[in-house]
Protein backbone atom coordinates (compact mmCIF):
# COMPACT_ATOMS: atom_id res chain seq x y z
CA MET A 1 -7.46 7.77 -87.52
CA THR A 2 -8.19 6.33 -84.09
CA ILE A 3 -6.21 7.37 -81.02
CA ILE A 4 -6.26 4.90 -78.18
CA GLU A 5 -5.86 6.55 -74.84
CA PRO A 6 -5.50 4.60 -71.60
CA ASN A 7 -8.36 4.78 -69.14
CA LYS A 8 -7.73 7.84 -67.05
CA SER A 9 -8.99 8.08 -63.51
CA LYS A 10 -10.79 11.17 -62.39
CA TYR A 11 -8.67 11.24 -59.24
CA SER A 12 -4.93 11.40 -59.30
CA TYR A 13 -3.24 9.96 -56.21
CA ASN A 14 -0.24 11.95 -55.26
CA PRO A 15 2.17 9.69 -53.28
CA ILE A 16 3.13 12.51 -50.90
CA ILE A 17 -0.48 13.23 -50.00
CA LEU A 18 -1.21 9.51 -49.61
CA THR A 19 1.84 9.04 -47.34
CA LEU A 20 0.92 12.03 -45.21
CA SER A 21 -2.68 10.80 -44.92
CA VAL A 22 -1.55 7.36 -43.75
CA PHE A 23 0.86 8.98 -41.31
CA LEU A 24 -1.92 11.24 -39.98
CA VAL A 25 -4.27 8.29 -39.48
CA ALA A 26 -1.50 6.39 -37.66
CA LEU A 27 -0.90 9.38 -35.38
CA VAL A 28 -4.60 9.66 -34.60
CA CYS A 29 -4.75 5.95 -33.68
CA LEU A 30 -1.63 6.30 -31.53
CA ASN A 31 -3.12 9.34 -29.79
CA ILE A 32 -6.29 7.37 -29.01
CA CYS A 33 -4.20 4.55 -27.54
CA PHE A 34 -2.23 6.99 -25.36
CA TYR A 35 -5.42 8.64 -24.17
CA ASN A 36 -6.98 5.28 -23.25
CA ASN A 37 -3.85 4.26 -21.33
CA ASN A 38 -3.91 7.60 -19.51
CA VAL A 39 -7.55 7.15 -18.49
CA VAL A 40 -6.90 3.59 -17.27
CA LEU A 41 -3.88 4.79 -15.29
CA LYS A 42 -5.84 7.61 -13.64
CA GLN A 43 -8.62 5.20 -12.71
CA SER A 44 -6.20 2.68 -11.20
CA ILE A 45 -4.46 5.46 -9.27
CA SER A 46 -7.77 6.62 -7.80
CA ILE A 47 -8.70 3.04 -6.83
CA GLU A 48 -5.32 2.46 -5.20
CA SER A 49 -5.49 5.78 -3.34
CA LYS A 50 -8.86 4.74 -1.91
CA ASN A 51 -7.34 1.40 -0.88
CA LEU A 52 -4.42 3.23 0.71
CA GLN A 53 -6.80 5.45 2.64
CA LYS A 54 -8.70 2.39 3.93
CA LEU A 55 -5.41 0.79 5.01
CA GLN A 56 -4.35 3.98 6.79
CA VAL A 57 -7.65 4.01 8.69
CA ALA A 58 -7.20 0.35 9.63
CA ASN A 59 -3.62 1.06 10.73
CA ALA A 60 -4.81 3.96 12.90
CA GLU A 61 -7.45 1.73 14.52
CA ILE A 62 -4.88 -0.97 15.26
CA LYS A 63 -2.50 1.60 16.75
CA ASP A 64 -5.35 2.96 18.87
CA GLN A 65 -6.07 -0.53 20.18
CA LEU A 66 -2.38 -1.08 20.91
CA TYR A 67 -2.10 2.22 22.78
CA LYS A 68 -5.22 1.39 24.80
CA ILE A 69 -3.73 -1.97 25.77
CA THR A 70 -0.38 -0.49 26.79
CA ASP A 71 -1.85 2.56 28.53
CA ILE A 72 -0.49 2.99 32.08
CA ASN A 73 -4.01 3.28 33.54
CA ASN A 74 -4.99 0.04 31.86
CA MET A 75 -1.78 -1.60 33.07
CA ASN A 76 -2.61 -0.61 36.66
CA SER A 77 -5.95 -2.37 36.38
CA VAL A 78 -4.20 -5.48 35.00
CA ILE A 79 -1.69 -5.36 37.87
CA GLU A 80 -4.51 -5.16 40.40
CA ALA A 81 -6.47 -7.94 38.69
CA LYS A 82 -3.46 -10.31 38.75
CA ASN A 83 -2.42 -9.29 42.29
CA LEU A 84 1.05 -8.26 41.21
CA VAL A 85 3.33 -6.33 43.56
CA LYS A 86 5.77 -3.65 42.52
CA ASP A 87 9.33 -4.51 43.56
CA ARG A 88 11.03 -1.51 45.13
CA ASN A 89 14.60 -2.83 44.81
CA PRO A 90 14.72 -5.05 41.74
CA GLU A 91 17.77 -7.22 41.17
CA TYR A 92 18.67 -7.63 37.55
CA PHE A 93 20.58 -10.44 35.96
CA LYS A 94 24.29 -9.81 35.71
CA ASN A 95 26.42 -10.96 32.85
CA GLU A 96 29.24 -13.02 34.34
CA SER A 97 31.14 -13.51 31.10
CA GLU A 98 33.45 -10.63 32.05
CA ILE A 99 34.39 -12.38 35.28
CA LEU A 100 35.14 -15.60 33.42
CA ALA A 101 37.22 -13.73 30.85
CA ILE A 102 39.43 -12.22 33.57
CA ASN A 103 40.14 -15.60 35.19
């Protein structure tokens, strides 16, 4: 008598182990993606901090130039160069809208 048996595989695939393996591989891939995004973010932060530092230096230089221009000693030399005279009793403009409102 002949018994026909189906072809049996040497390896039996347990669905739980297969599911957990696929899940583990997916987590590893996701971890790699998060790590790459983290590295890119750190690199862009360092680049932008260097740019910020350059802008702060440029801002300080511009402020220094502005303060040199508006320095009182520098203003005295400009006054002398343009032959300006300091008015001891200056007369300022008066707003006459109050006078017109009373009348």
